[in-house]
Amino acid sequence: MWASLSEEAEAIGWYDQRIAVEKDAVAKAIMNDSLGEEYKHFSMELEFLLRAKPKWREIAQGILFKDGDIVAHGEDAEEVAG
């Protein structure tokens, strides 16, 4: 699953690069649709791994989807997770 997560992240990067330079609106729309699939796959694989690694999940929960200083949240979450 680690390799799959990495591959999805790479695919997201490739789509972002291609979309940024694509001039054809139809081609861009197709790539944006494909990008959404990559986001979905990445998210599912990440959730699988977070369920398998409780400490990682605990740290992630202290960082993700929070306003404010990301680094500070990370430091706090790591400290709390022990």
N, C-alpha and C. Protein backbone atom coordinates (compact mmCIF):
# COMPACT_ATOMS: atom_id res chain seq x y z
N MET A 1 0.82 -1.20 0.00
CA MET A 1 0.00 0.00 0.00
C MET A 1 0.87 1.27 0.00
N TRP A 2 2.06 1.18 0.63
CA TRP A 2 2.96 2.33 0.64
C TRP A 2 3.33 2.75 -0.78
N ALA A 3 3.65 1.76 -1.61
CA ALA A 3 4.03 2.06 -3.00
C ALA A 3 2.84 2.66 -3.75
N SER A 4 1.66 2.15 -3.51
CA SER A 4 0.47 2.69 -4.18
C SER A 4 0.23 4.14 -3.79
N LEU A 5 0.40 4.45 -2.50
CA LEU A 5 0.22 5.82 -2.03
C LEU A 5 1.22 6.75 -2.72
N SER A 6 2.44 6.31 -2.82
CA SER A 6 3.48 7.09 -3.49
C SER A 6 3.15 7.31 -4.97
N GLU A 7 2.67 6.26 -5.62
CA GLU A 7 2.31 6.36 -7.04
C GLU A 7 1.14 7.31 -7.25
N GLU A 8 0.17 7.30 -6.35
CA GLU A 8 -0.96 8.23 -6.47
C GLU A 8 -0.48 9.67 -6.30
N ALA A 9 0.43 9.89 -5.36
CA ALA A 9 0.98 11.24 -5.16
C ALA A 9 1.72 11.70 -6.40
N GLU A 10 2.48 10.80 -7.02
CA GLU A 10 3.17 11.15 -8.27
C GLU A 10 2.18 11.50 -9.37
N ALA A 11 1.13 10.70 -9.49
CA ALA A 11 0.12 10.94 -10.53
C ALA A 11 -0.55 12.30 -10.31
N ILE A 12 -0.83 12.65 -9.07
CA ILE A 12 -1.42 13.95 -8.77
C ILE A 12 -0.49 15.06 -9.24
N GLY A 13 0.78 14.92 -8.96
CA GLY A 13 1.75 15.91 -9.41
C GLY A 13 1.82 16.02 -10.92
N TRP A 14 1.78 14.88 -11.61
CA TRP A 14 1.82 14.90 -13.08
C TRP A 14 0.59 15.60 -13.64
N TYR A 15 -0.59 15.26 -13.10
CA TYR A 15 -1.81 15.91 -13.59
C TYR A 15 -1.77 17.42 -13.33
N ASP A 16 -1.32 17.81 -12.15
CA ASP A 16 -1.23 19.25 -11.85
C ASP A 16 -0.34 19.97 -12.86
N GLN A 17 0.79 19.36 -13.20
CA GLN A 17 1.70 19.97 -14.17
C GLN A 17 1.07 20.06 -15.56
N ARG A 18 0.44 18.99 -15.98
CA ARG A 18 -0.16 18.96 -17.32
C ARG A 18 -1.35 19.91 -17.42
N ILE A 19 -2.16 19.95 -16.40
CA ILE A 19 -3.32 20.84 -16.39
C ILE A 19 -2.88 22.30 -16.44
N ALA A 20 -1.78 22.60 -15.77
CA ALA A 20 -1.29 23.99 -15.72
C ALA A 20 -0.92 24.52 -17.10
N VAL A 21 -0.51 23.64 -18.02
CA VAL A 21 -0.06 24.11 -19.34
C VAL A 21 -1.03 23.76 -20.46
N GLU A 22 -2.08 23.00 -20.16
CA GLU A 22 -3.02 22.57 -21.22
C GLU A 22 -3.88 23.75 -21.67
N LYS A 23 -3.93 23.94 -22.98
CA LYS A 23 -4.71 25.05 -23.55
C LYS A 23 -6.11 24.61 -24.00
N ASP A 24 -6.26 23.35 -24.32
CA ASP A 24 -7.53 22.84 -24.82
C ASP A 24 -8.48 22.60 -23.64
N ALA A 25 -9.65 23.25 -23.66
CA ALA A 25 -10.60 23.17 -22.55
C ALA A 25 -11.13 21.76 -22.34
N VAL A 26 -11.38 21.02 -23.42
CA VAL A 26 -11.90 19.66 -23.29
C VAL A 26 -10.84 18.75 -22.68
N ALA A 27 -9.63 18.85 -23.17
CA ALA A 27 -8.54 18.04 -22.61
C ALA A 27 -8.34 18.37 -21.13
N LYS A 28 -8.41 19.64 -20.80
CA LYS A 28 -8.23 20.07 -19.41
C LYS A 28 -9.35 19.50 -18.53
N ALA A 29 -10.58 19.51 -19.04
CA ALA A 29 -11.71 18.96 -18.28
C ALA A 29 -11.53 17.47 -18.02
N ILE A 30 -11.05 16.74 -19.02
CA ILE A 30 -10.82 15.30 -18.86
C ILE A 30 -9.74 15.05 -17.82
N MET A 31 -8.66 15.82 -17.90
CA MET A 31 -7.58 15.65 -16.92
C MET A 31 -8.03 16.02 -15.52
N ASN A 32 -8.86 17.05 -15.38
CA ASN A 32 -9.38 17.41 -14.06
C ASN A 32 -10.25 16.31 -13.49
N ASP A 33 -11.02 15.65 -14.34
CA ASP A 33 -11.83 14.52 -13.90
C ASP A 33 -10.93 13.38 -13.42
N SER A 34 -9.88 13.11 -14.18
CA SER A 34 -8.93 12.06 -13.80
C SER A 34 -8.22 12.42 -12.49
N LEU A 35 -7.90 13.68 -12.33
CA LEU A 35 -7.24 14.14 -11.11
C LEU A 35 -8.11 13.86 -9.89
N GLY A 36 -9.40 14.07 -10.02
CA GLY A 36 -10.31 13.76 -8.92
C GLY A 36 -10.25 12.29 -8.52
N GLU A 37 -10.10 11.42 -9.49
CA GLU A 37 -9.95 9.99 -9.19
C GLU A 37 -8.66 9.74 -8.42
N GLU A 38 -7.59 10.41 -8.81
CA GLU A 38 -6.32 10.25 -8.10
C GLU A 38 -6.44 10.72 -6.65
N TYR A 39 -7.13 11.84 -6.44
CA TYR A 39 -7.36 12.32 -5.07
C TYR A 39 -8.11 11.27 -4.26
N LYS A 40 -9.13 10.69 -4.87
CA LYS A 40 -9.92 9.67 -4.18
C LYS A 40 -9.06 8.47 -3.81
N HIS A 41 -8.29 7.98 -4.77
CA HIS A 41 -7.44 6.81 -4.51
C HIS A 41 -6.40 7.11 -3.44
N PHE A 42 -5.76 8.29 -3.54
CA PHE A 42 -4.77 8.67 -2.53
C PHE A 42 -5.41 8.69 -1.15
N SER A 43 -6.58 9.28 -1.05
CA SER A 43 -7.26 9.40 0.25
C SER A 43 -7.63 8.04 0.82
N MET A 44 -8.11 7.14 -0.02
CA MET A 44 -8.47 5.80 0.47
C MET A 44 -7.23 5.04 0.95
N GLU A 45 -6.15 5.14 0.20
CA GLU A 45 -4.93 4.45 0.59
C GLU A 45 -4.34 5.04 1.87
N LEU A 46 -4.39 6.37 1.99
CA LEU A 46 -3.92 7.02 3.20
C LEU A 46 -4.74 6.57 4.40
N GLU A 47 -6.05 6.52 4.25
CA GLU A 47 -6.92 6.07 5.35
C GLU A 47 -6.60 4.64 5.75
N PHE A 48 -6.36 3.77 4.77
CA PHE A 48 -5.99 2.39 5.06
C PHE A 48 -4.73 2.34 5.92
N LEU A 49 -3.72 3.11 5.51
CA LEU A 49 -2.46 3.12 6.24
C LEU A 49 -2.61 3.74 7.63
N LEU A 50 -3.39 4.80 7.73
CA LEU A 50 -3.61 5.42 9.04
C LEU A 50 -4.33 4.47 10.00
N ARG A 51 -5.21 3.65 9.48
CA ARG A 51 -5.88 2.66 10.32
C ARG A 51 -4.91 1.59 10.79
N ALA A 52 -3.92 1.29 9.97
CA ALA A 52 -2.94 0.26 10.30
C ALA A 52 -1.86 0.78 11.25
N LYS A 53 -1.69 2.08 11.34
CA LYS A 53 -0.63 2.69 12.14
C LYS A 53 -1.24 3.69 13.13
N PRO A 54 -1.69 3.22 14.30
CA PRO A 54 -2.40 4.09 15.25
C PRO A 54 -1.61 5.33 15.67
N LYS A 55 -0.31 5.23 15.87
CA LYS A 55 0.46 6.41 16.29
C LYS A 55 0.47 7.45 15.18
N TRP A 56 0.66 7.00 13.94
CA TRP A 56 0.62 7.91 12.81
C TRP A 56 -0.73 8.60 12.74
N ARG A 57 -1.80 7.81 12.92
CA ARG A 57 -3.16 8.37 12.88
C ARG A 57 -3.34 9.44 13.96
N GLU A 58 -2.84 9.14 15.15
CA GLU A 58 -2.98 10.09 16.26
C GLU A 58 -2.26 11.40 15.93
N ILE A 59 -1.06 11.32 15.39
CA ILE A 59 -0.33 12.52 15.02
C ILE A 59 -1.05 13.26 13.89
N ALA A 60 -1.50 12.52 12.89
CA ALA A 60 -2.22 13.14 11.77
C ALA A 60 -3.46 13.88 12.23
N GLN A 61 -4.18 13.29 13.19
CA GLN A 61 -5.40 13.94 13.69
C GLN A 61 -5.09 15.25 14.40
N GLY A 62 -3.88 15.39 14.91
CA GLY A 62 -3.49 16.63 15.56
C GLY A 62 -3.07 17.72 14.57
N ILE A 63 -2.92 17.34 13.30
CA ILE A 63 -2.43 18.27 12.28
C ILE A 63 -3.48 18.58 11.21
N LEU A 64 -4.12 17.55 10.71
CA LEU A 64 -4.99 17.69 9.55
C LEU A 64 -6.28 18.45 9.85
N PHE A 65 -6.70 19.24 8.88
CA PHE A 65 -7.99 19.94 8.90
C PHE A 65 -8.12 20.92 10.06
N LYS A 66 -6.99 21.52 10.43
CA LYS A 66 -7.00 22.52 11.49
C LYS A 66 -6.45 23.83 10.94
N ASP A 67 -7.08 24.92 11.32
CA ASP A 67 -6.56 26.24 10.96
C ASP A 67 -5.35 26.55 11.84
N GLY A 68 -4.56 27.49 11.41
CA GLY A 68 -3.44 27.93 12.21
C GLY A 68 -2.11 27.39 11.72
N ASP A 69 -1.14 27.41 12.58
CA ASP A 69 0.24 27.08 12.26
C ASP A 69 0.41 25.56 12.12
N ILE A 70 0.70 25.11 10.91
CA ILE A 70 0.84 23.68 10.64
C ILE A 70 2.00 23.08 11.43
N VAL A 71 3.12 23.78 11.45
CA VAL A 71 4.30 23.26 12.16
C VAL A 71 4.02 23.15 13.65
N ALA A 72 3.39 24.15 14.22
CA ALA A 72 3.05 24.12 15.65
C ALA A 72 2.11 22.96 15.94
N HIS A 73 1.11 22.76 15.09
CA HIS A 73 0.20 21.62 15.27
C HIS A 73 0.97 20.31 15.22
N GLY A 74 1.94 20.23 14.30
CA GLY A 74 2.74 19.02 14.18
C GLY A 74 3.56 18.75 15.43
N GLU A 75 4.20 19.78 15.93
CA GLU A 75 4.99 19.63 17.16
C GLU A 75 4.12 19.19 18.33
N ASP A 76 2.97 19.84 18.46
CA ASP A 76 2.04 19.50 19.55
C ASP A 76 1.54 18.06 19.42
N ALA A 77 1.17 17.67 18.21
CA ALA A 77 0.64 16.33 18.00
C ALA A 77 1.68 15.26 18.28
N GLU A 78 2.91 15.52 17.88
CA GLU A 78 3.99 14.56 18.12
C GLU A 78 4.26 14.41 19.61
N GLU A 79 4.23 15.52 20.31
CA GLU A 79 4.47 15.49 21.76
C GLU A 79 3.38 14.72 22.49
N VAL A 80 2.15 14.94 22.10
CA VAL A 80 1.02 14.26 22.75
C VAL A 80 1.04 12.76 22.46
N ALA A 81 1.43 12.40 21.24
CA ALA A 81 1.45 10.99 20.84
C ALA A 81 2.56 10.21 21.53
N GLY A 82 3.56 10.91 22.02
CA GLY A 82 4.64 10.25 22.76
C GLY A 82 5.56 9.57 21.85
